[in-house]
Amino acid sequence: MPYVEFNLTKGATAEQKAQLVEGVTDLLVSVLNKNPSSTQVIIKEIDPDSWGISGRSVKRLRAEGKTANISKD
C-alpha cells in the first residue's frame, strides 16, 4: 500500500490538489504497478509564516519576491 505525503505551503487550489493526487496515483500505477485503490496521497498545508528557508519565512521571502531564486549551496 503506497503512502505519499506532500508538505506544501498554503495556496494551492482544490483543483491543483486534485491533479496532484491523481497524477501521483497514476505515476505509482505506471512505474511500480501499484493498485490505485490502495494508494494513499496526503497533502498537508503549512502556513507560509511557519515554513523557513535560509533563515527567513516563506511569507517574507514571497513578499521580497525571492522564493524562486533560493540558492541550493
PDB file of N, CA and C in Angstrom:
ATOM      1  N   MET A   1       0.842  -1.176   0.000  1.00  0.00           N
ATOM      2  CA  MET A   1       0.000   0.000   0.000  1.00  0.00           C
ATOM      3  C   MET A   1       0.889   1.242   0.000  1.00  0.00           C
ATOM      4  N   PRO A   2       1.029   1.923  -1.127  1.00  0.00           N
ATOM      5  CA  PRO A   2       1.831   3.143  -1.170  1.00  0.00           C
ATOM      6  C   PRO A   2       1.176   4.270  -0.378  1.00  0.00           C
ATOM      7  N   TYR A   3       2.009   5.018   0.301  1.00  0.00           N
ATOM      8  CA  TYR A   3       1.586   6.185   1.066  1.00  0.00           C
ATOM      9  C   TYR A   3       2.541   7.317   0.701  1.00  0.00           C
ATOM     10  N   VAL A   4       2.012   8.373   0.111  1.00  0.00           N
ATOM     11  CA  VAL A   4       2.828   9.515  -0.298  1.00  0.00           C
ATOM     12  C   VAL A   4       2.293  10.743   0.423  1.00  0.00           C
ATOM     13  N   GLU A   5       3.200  11.498   1.039  1.00  0.00           N
ATOM     14  CA  GLU A   5       2.794  12.690   1.772  1.00  0.00           C
ATOM     15  C   GLU A   5       3.541  13.901   1.235  1.00  0.00           C
ATOM     16  N   PHE A   6       2.805  14.956   0.951  1.00  0.00           N
ATOM     17  CA  PHE A   6       3.374  16.222   0.498  1.00  0.00           C
ATOM     18  C   PHE A   6       3.153  17.277   1.567  1.00  0.00           C
ATOM     19  N   ASN A   7       4.168  18.050   1.836  1.00  0.00           N
ATOM     20  CA  ASN A   7       4.043  19.234   2.678  1.00  0.00           C
ATOM     21  C   ASN A   7       4.175  20.439   1.758  1.00  0.00           C
ATOM     22  N   LEU A   8       3.104  21.213   1.658  1.00  0.00           N
ATOM     23  CA  LEU A   8       3.065  22.384   0.783  1.00  0.00           C
ATOM     24  C   LEU A   8       2.675  23.607   1.589  1.00  0.00           C
ATOM     25  N   THR A   9       3.170  24.753   1.183  1.00  0.00           N
ATOM     26  CA  THR A   9       2.647  25.965   1.794  1.00  0.00           C
ATOM     27  C   THR A   9       1.238  26.186   1.260  1.00  0.00           C
ATOM     28  N   LYS A  10       0.416  26.800   2.097  1.00  0.00           N
ATOM     29  CA  LYS A  10      -0.976  27.039   1.714  1.00  0.00           C
ATOM     30  C   LYS A  10      -1.039  27.894   0.462  1.00  0.00           C
ATOM     31  N   GLY A  11      -2.051  27.640  -0.349  1.00  0.00           N
ATOM     32  CA  GLY A  11      -2.252  28.447  -1.540  1.00  0.00           C
ATOM     33  C   GLY A  11      -2.658  27.656  -2.761  1.00  0.00           C
ATOM     34  N   ALA A  12      -2.429  26.343  -2.742  1.00  0.00           N
ATOM     35  CA  ALA A  12      -2.846  25.530  -3.889  1.00  0.00           C
ATOM     36  C   ALA A  12      -4.370  25.455  -3.917  1.00  0.00           C
ATOM     37  N   THR A  13      -4.929  25.501  -5.111  1.00  0.00           N
ATOM     38  CA  THR A  13      -6.379  25.404  -5.251  1.00  0.00           C
ATOM     39  C   THR A  13      -6.826  23.955  -5.085  1.00  0.00           C
ATOM     40  N   ALA A  14      -8.119  23.770  -4.884  1.00  0.00           N
ATOM     41  CA  ALA A  14      -8.673  22.418  -4.785  1.00  0.00           C
ATOM     42  C   ALA A  14      -8.397  21.643  -6.066  1.00  0.00           C
ATOM     43  N   GLU A  15      -8.481  22.306  -7.203  1.00  0.00           N
ATOM     44  CA  GLU A  15      -8.210  21.655  -8.491  1.00  0.00           C
ATOM     45  C   GLU A  15      -6.745  21.224  -8.591  1.00  0.00           C
ATOM     46  N   GLN A  16      -5.834  22.070  -8.169  1.00  0.00           N
ATOM     47  CA  GLN A  16      -4.411  21.712  -8.201  1.00  0.00           C
ATOM     48  C   GLN A  16      -4.123  20.515  -7.299  1.00  0.00           C
ATOM     49  N   LYS A  17      -4.730  20.501  -6.124  1.00  0.00           N
ATOM     50  CA  LYS A  17      -4.526  19.375  -5.209  1.00  0.00           C
ATOM     51  C   LYS A  17      -5.118  18.097  -5.790  1.00  0.00           C
ATOM     52  N   ALA A  18      -6.276  18.195  -6.422  1.00  0.00           N
ATOM     53  CA  ALA A  18      -6.880  17.020  -7.057  1.00  0.00           C
ATOM     54  C   ALA A  18      -5.981  16.488  -8.172  1.00  0.00           C
ATOM     55  N   GLN A  19      -5.402  17.391  -8.962  1.00  0.00           N
ATOM     56  CA  GLN A  19      -4.485  16.977 -10.026  1.00  0.00           C
ATOM     57  C   GLN A  19      -3.236  16.316  -9.451  1.00  0.00           C
ATOM     58  N   LEU A  20      -2.743  16.829  -8.345  1.00  0.00           N
ATOM     59  CA  LEU A  20      -1.577  16.242  -7.693  1.00  0.00           C
ATOM     60  C   LEU A  20      -1.883  14.825  -7.216  1.00  0.00           C
ATOM     61  N   VAL A  21      -3.012  14.641  -6.555  1.00  0.00           N
ATOM     62  CA  VAL A  21      -3.410  13.312  -6.075  1.00  0.00           C
ATOM     63  C   VAL A  21      -3.560  12.344  -7.245  1.00  0.00           C
ATOM     64  N   GLU A  22      -4.249  12.768  -8.287  1.00  0.00           N
ATOM     65  CA  GLU A  22      -4.450  11.904  -9.453  1.00  0.00           C
ATOM     66  C   GLU A  22      -3.129  11.598 -10.157  1.00  0.00           C
ATOM     67  N   GLY A  23      -2.301  12.611 -10.327  1.00  0.00           N
ATOM     68  CA  GLY A  23      -1.038  12.421 -11.031  1.00  0.00           C
ATOM     69  C   GLY A  23      -0.079  11.498 -10.297  1.00  0.00           C
ATOM     70  N   VAL A  24       0.018  11.661  -8.986  1.00  0.00           N
ATOM     71  CA  VAL A  24       0.901  10.799  -8.195  1.00  0.00           C
ATOM     72  C   VAL A  24       0.381   9.368  -8.203  1.00  0.00           C
ATOM     73  N   THR A  25      -0.916   9.212  -8.080  1.00  0.00           N
ATOM     74  CA  THR A  25      -1.503   7.869  -8.138  1.00  0.00           C
ATOM     75  C   THR A  25      -1.212   7.224  -9.482  1.00  0.00           C
ATOM     76  N   ASP A  26      -1.433   7.951 -10.557  1.00  0.00           N
ATOM     77  CA  ASP A  26      -1.152   7.421 -11.900  1.00  0.00           C
ATOM     78  C   ASP A  26       0.318   7.048 -12.061  1.00  0.00           C
ATOM     79  N   LEU A  27       1.212   7.854 -11.511  1.00  0.00           N
ATOM     80  CA  LEU A  27       2.644   7.574 -11.593  1.00  0.00           C
ATOM     81  C   LEU A  27       2.996   6.273 -10.870  1.00  0.00           C
ATOM     82  N   LEU A  28       2.442   6.067  -9.688  1.00  0.00           N
ATOM     83  CA  LEU A  28       2.712   4.839  -8.940  1.00  0.00           C
ATOM     84  C   LEU A  28       2.154   3.613  -9.653  1.00  0.00           C
ATOM     85  N   VAL A  29       1.017   3.772 -10.292  1.00  0.00           N
ATOM     86  CA  VAL A  29       0.447   2.671 -11.074  1.00  0.00           C
ATOM     87  C   VAL A  29       1.350   2.369 -12.260  1.00  0.00           C
ATOM     88  N   SER A  30       1.773   3.409 -12.966  1.00  0.00           N
ATOM     89  CA  SER A  30       2.576   3.251 -14.175  1.00  0.00           C
ATOM     90  C   SER A  30       3.979   2.712 -13.896  1.00  0.00           C
ATOM     91  N   VAL A  31       4.653   3.274 -12.916  1.00  0.00           N
ATOM     92  CA  VAL A  31       6.051   2.932 -12.666  1.00  0.00           C
ATOM     93  C   VAL A  31       6.199   1.684 -11.800  1.00  0.00           C
ATOM     94  N   LEU A  32       5.378   1.574 -10.766  1.00  0.00           N
ATOM     95  CA  LEU A  32       5.534   0.479  -9.809  1.00  0.00           C
ATOM     96  C   LEU A  32       4.427  -0.569  -9.876  1.00  0.00           C
ATOM     97  N   ASN A  33       3.493  -0.387 -10.811  1.00  0.00           N
ATOM     98  CA  ASN A  33       2.376  -1.321 -10.969  1.00  0.00           C
ATOM     99  C   ASN A  33       1.562  -1.466  -9.679  1.00  0.00           C
ATOM    100  N   LYS A  34       1.351  -0.353  -8.982  1.00  0.00           N
ATOM    101  CA  LYS A  34       0.593  -0.366  -7.734  1.00  0.00           C
ATOM    102  C   LYS A  34      -0.899  -0.261  -8.017  1.00  0.00           C
ATOM    103  N   ASN A  35      -1.678  -0.790  -7.108  1.00  0.00           N
ATOM    104  CA  ASN A  35      -3.131  -0.751  -7.210  1.00  0.00           C
ATOM    105  C   ASN A  35      -3.610   0.640  -6.786  1.00  0.00           C
ATOM    106  N   PRO A  36      -4.299   1.361  -7.660  1.00  0.00           N
ATOM    107  CA  PRO A  36      -4.731   2.713  -7.297  1.00  0.00           C
ATOM    108  C   PRO A  36      -5.706   2.737  -6.116  1.00  0.00           C
ATOM    109  N   SER A  37      -6.457   1.666  -5.928  1.00  0.00           N
ATOM    110  CA  SER A  37      -7.429   1.668  -4.833  1.00  0.00           C
ATOM    111  C   SER A  37      -6.766   1.556  -3.459  1.00  0.00           C
ATOM    112  N   SER A  38      -5.501   1.173  -3.421  1.00  0.00           N
ATOM    113  CA  SER A  38      -4.803   1.104  -2.133  1.00  0.00           C
ATOM    114  C   SER A  38      -3.724   2.179  -2.005  1.00  0.00           C
ATOM    115  N   THR A  39      -3.665   3.088  -2.968  1.00  0.00           N
ATOM    116  CA  THR A  39      -2.664   4.153  -2.956  1.00  0.00           C
ATOM    117  C   THR A  39      -3.219   5.366  -2.217  1.00  0.00           C
ATOM    118  N   GLN A  40      -2.456   5.833  -1.251  1.00  0.00           N
ATOM    119  CA  GLN A  40      -2.874   6.979  -0.454  1.00  0.00           C
ATOM    120  C   GLN A  40      -1.954   8.162  -0.732  1.00  0.00           C
ATOM    121  N   VAL A  41      -2.556   9.318  -0.977  1.00  0.00           N
ATOM    122  CA  VAL A  41      -1.796  10.551  -1.172  1.00  0.00           C
ATOM    123  C   VAL A  41      -2.340  11.574  -0.177  1.00  0.00           C
ATOM    124  N   ILE A  42      -1.464  12.071   0.662  1.00  0.00           N
ATOM    125  CA  ILE A  42      -1.842  13.019   1.699  1.00  0.00           C
ATOM    126  C   ILE A  42      -1.180  14.359   1.395  1.00  0.00           C
ATOM    127  N   ILE A  43      -1.958  15.428   1.460  1.00  0.00           N
ATOM    128  CA  ILE A  43      -1.421  16.774   1.267  1.00  0.00           C
ATOM    129  C   ILE A  43      -1.611  17.542   2.568  1.00  0.00           C
ATOM    130  N   LYS A  44      -0.504  17.977   3.137  1.00  0.00           N
ATOM    131  CA  LYS A  44      -0.541  18.799   4.343  1.00  0.00           C
ATOM    132  C   LYS A  44      -0.162  20.218   3.953  1.00  0.00           C
ATOM    133  N   GLU A  45      -1.007  21.157   4.344  1.00  0.00           N
ATOM    134  CA  GLU A  45      -0.748  22.556   4.025  1.00  0.00           C
ATOM    135  C   GLU A  45      -0.210  23.283   5.252  1.00  0.00           C
ATOM    136  N   ILE A  46       0.841  24.038   5.041  1.00  0.00           N
ATOM    137  CA  ILE A  46       1.515  24.744   6.121  1.00  0.00           C
ATOM    138  C   ILE A  46       1.473  26.242   5.830  1.00  0.00           C
ATOM    139  N   ASP A  47       1.192  27.024   6.855  1.00  0.00           N
ATOM    140  CA  ASP A  47       1.194  28.475   6.686  1.00  0.00           C
ATOM    141  C   ASP A  47       2.581  28.936   6.244  1.00  0.00           C
ATOM    142  N   PRO A  48       2.657  29.843   5.282  1.00  0.00           N
ATOM    143  CA  PRO A  48       3.954  30.334   4.815  1.00  0.00           C
ATOM    144  C   PRO A  48       4.797  30.978   5.916  1.00  0.00           C
ATOM    145  N   ASP A  49       4.150  31.486   6.968  1.00  0.00           N
ATOM    146  CA  ASP A  49       4.931  32.062   8.065  1.00  0.00           C
ATOM    147  C   ASP A  49       5.432  30.994   9.035  1.00  0.00           C
ATOM    148  N   SER A  50       5.047  29.731   8.806  1.00  0.00           N
ATOM    149  CA  SER A  50       5.508  28.612   9.631  1.00  0.00           C
ATOM    150  C   SER A  50       6.522  27.740   8.904  1.00  0.00           C
ATOM    151  N   TRP A  51       7.007  28.191   7.753  1.00  0.00           N
ATOM    152  CA  TRP A  51       7.980  27.433   6.959  1.00  0.00           C
ATOM    153  C   TRP A  51       9.151  28.356   6.674  1.00  0.00           C
ATOM    154  N   GLY A  52      10.344  27.933   7.043  1.00  0.00           N
ATOM    155  CA  GLY A  52      11.510  28.780   6.843  1.00  0.00           C
ATOM    156  C   GLY A  52      12.496  28.200   5.852  1.00  0.00           C
ATOM    157  N   ILE A  53      13.116  29.073   5.086  1.00  0.00           N
ATOM    158  CA  ILE A  53      14.178  28.716   4.143  1.00  0.00           C
ATOM    159  C   ILE A  53      15.270  29.772   4.293  1.00  0.00           C
ATOM    160  N   SER A  54      16.481  29.332   4.422  1.00  0.00           N
ATOM    161  CA  SER A  54      17.620  30.261   4.522  1.00  0.00           C
ATOM    162  C   SER A  54      17.443  31.279   5.647  1.00  0.00           C
ATOM    163  N   GLY A  55      16.828  30.852   6.739  1.00  0.00           N
ATOM    164  CA  GLY A  55      16.683  31.726   7.896  1.00  0.00           C
ATOM    165  C   GLY A  55      15.532  32.707   7.841  1.00  0.00           C
ATOM    166  N   ARG A  56      14.704  32.638   6.802  1.00  0.00           N
ATOM    167  CA  ARG A  56      13.562  33.541   6.692  1.00  0.00           C
ATOM    168  C   ARG A  56      12.310  32.755   6.349  1.00  0.00           C
ATOM    169  N   SER A  57      11.175  33.262   6.775  1.00  0.00           N
ATOM    170  CA  SER A  57       9.918  32.577   6.476  1.00  0.00           C
ATOM    171  C   SER A  57       9.594  32.684   4.987  1.00  0.00           C
ATOM    172  N   VAL A  58       8.862  31.703   4.499  1.00  0.00           N
ATOM    173  CA  VAL A  58       8.421  31.734   3.102  1.00  0.00           C
ATOM    174  C   VAL A  58       7.543  32.962   2.865  1.00  0.00           C
ATOM    175  N   LYS A  59       6.743  33.326   3.858  1.00  0.00           N
ATOM    176  CA  LYS A  59       5.904  34.523   3.726  1.00  0.00           C
ATOM    177  C   LYS A  59       6.773  35.749   3.437  1.00  0.00           C
ATOM    178  N   ARG A  60       7.848  35.899   4.193  1.00  0.00           N
ATOM    179  CA  ARG A  60       8.754  37.037   3.986  1.00  0.00           C
ATOM    180  C   ARG A  60       9.454  36.942   2.634  1.00  0.00           C
ATOM    181  N   LEU A  61       9.930  35.752   2.289  1.00  0.00           N
ATOM    182  CA  LEU A  61      10.607  35.575   1.001  1.00  0.00           C
ATOM    183  C   LEU A  61       9.678  35.891  -0.166  1.00  0.00           C
ATOM    184  N   ARG A  62       8.428  35.463  -0.061  1.00  0.00           N
ATOM    185  CA  ARG A  62       7.459  35.776  -1.126  1.00  0.00           C
ATOM    186  C   ARG A  62       7.239  37.279  -1.229  1.00  0.00           C
ATOM    187  N   ALA A  63       7.148  37.936  -0.084  1.00  0.00           N
ATOM    188  CA  ALA A  63       6.955  39.388  -0.090  1.00  0.00           C
ATOM    189  C   ALA A  63       8.135  40.093  -0.755  1.00  0.00           C
ATOM    190  N   GLU A  64       9.313  39.504  -0.596  1.00  0.00           N
ATOM    191  CA  GLU A  64      10.518  40.058  -1.218  1.00  0.00           C
ATOM    192  C   GLU A  64      10.702  39.563  -2.649  1.00  0.00           C
ATOM    193  N   GLY A  65       9.818  38.664  -3.099  1.00  0.00           N
ATOM    194  CA  GLY A  65       9.907  38.122  -4.450  1.00  0.00           C
ATOM    195  C   GLY A  65      11.084  37.195  -4.650  1.00  0.00           C
ATOM    196  N   LYS A  66      11.503  36.479  -3.596  1.00  0.00           N
ATOM    197  CA  LYS A  66      12.730  35.702  -3.671  1.00  0.00           C
ATOM    198  C   LYS A  66      12.560  34.189  -3.623  1.00  0.00           C
ATOM    199  N   THR A  67      11.376  33.646  -3.486  1.00  0.00           N
ATOM    200  CA  THR A  67      11.255  32.194  -3.302  1.00  0.00           C
ATOM    201  C   THR A  67      11.700  31.400  -4.511  1.00  0.00           C
ATOM    202  N   ALA A  68      11.622  31.935  -5.696  1.00  0.00           N
ATOM    203  CA  ALA A  68      12.036  31.189  -6.891  1.00  0.00           C
ATOM    204  C   ALA A  68      13.542  31.237  -7.102  1.00  0.00           C
ATOM    205  N   ASN A  69      14.237  32.072  -6.353  1.00  0.00           N
ATOM    206  CA  ASN A  69      15.668  32.278  -6.587  1.00  0.00           C
ATOM    207  C   ASN A  69      16.551  31.819  -5.431  1.00  0.00           C
ATOM    208  N   ILE A  70      16.063  30.938  -4.591  1.00  0.00           N
ATOM    209  CA  ILE A  70      16.853  30.498  -3.441  1.00  0.00           C
ATOM    210  C   ILE A  70      17.941  29.546  -3.901  1.00  0.00           C
ATOM    211  N   SER A  71      19.160  29.843  -3.505  1.00  0.00           N
ATOM    212  CA  SER A  71      20.319  29.035  -3.893  1.00  0.00           C
ATOM    213  C   SER A  71      20.344  27.727  -3.123  1.00  0.00           C
ATOM    214  N   LYS A  72      20.852  26.667  -3.763  1.00  0.00           N
ATOM    215  CA  LYS A  72      20.953  25.363  -3.123  1.00  0.00           C
ATOM    216  C   LYS A  72      22.325  25.116  -2.521  1.00  0.00           C
ATOM    217  N   ASP A  73      23.204  26.113  -2.498  1.00  0.00           N
ATOM    218  CA  ASP A  73      24.551  25.871  -1.975  1.00  0.00           C
ATOM    219  C   ASP A  73      24.657  25.998  -0.489  1.00  0.00           C
TER     220      ASP A  73
END
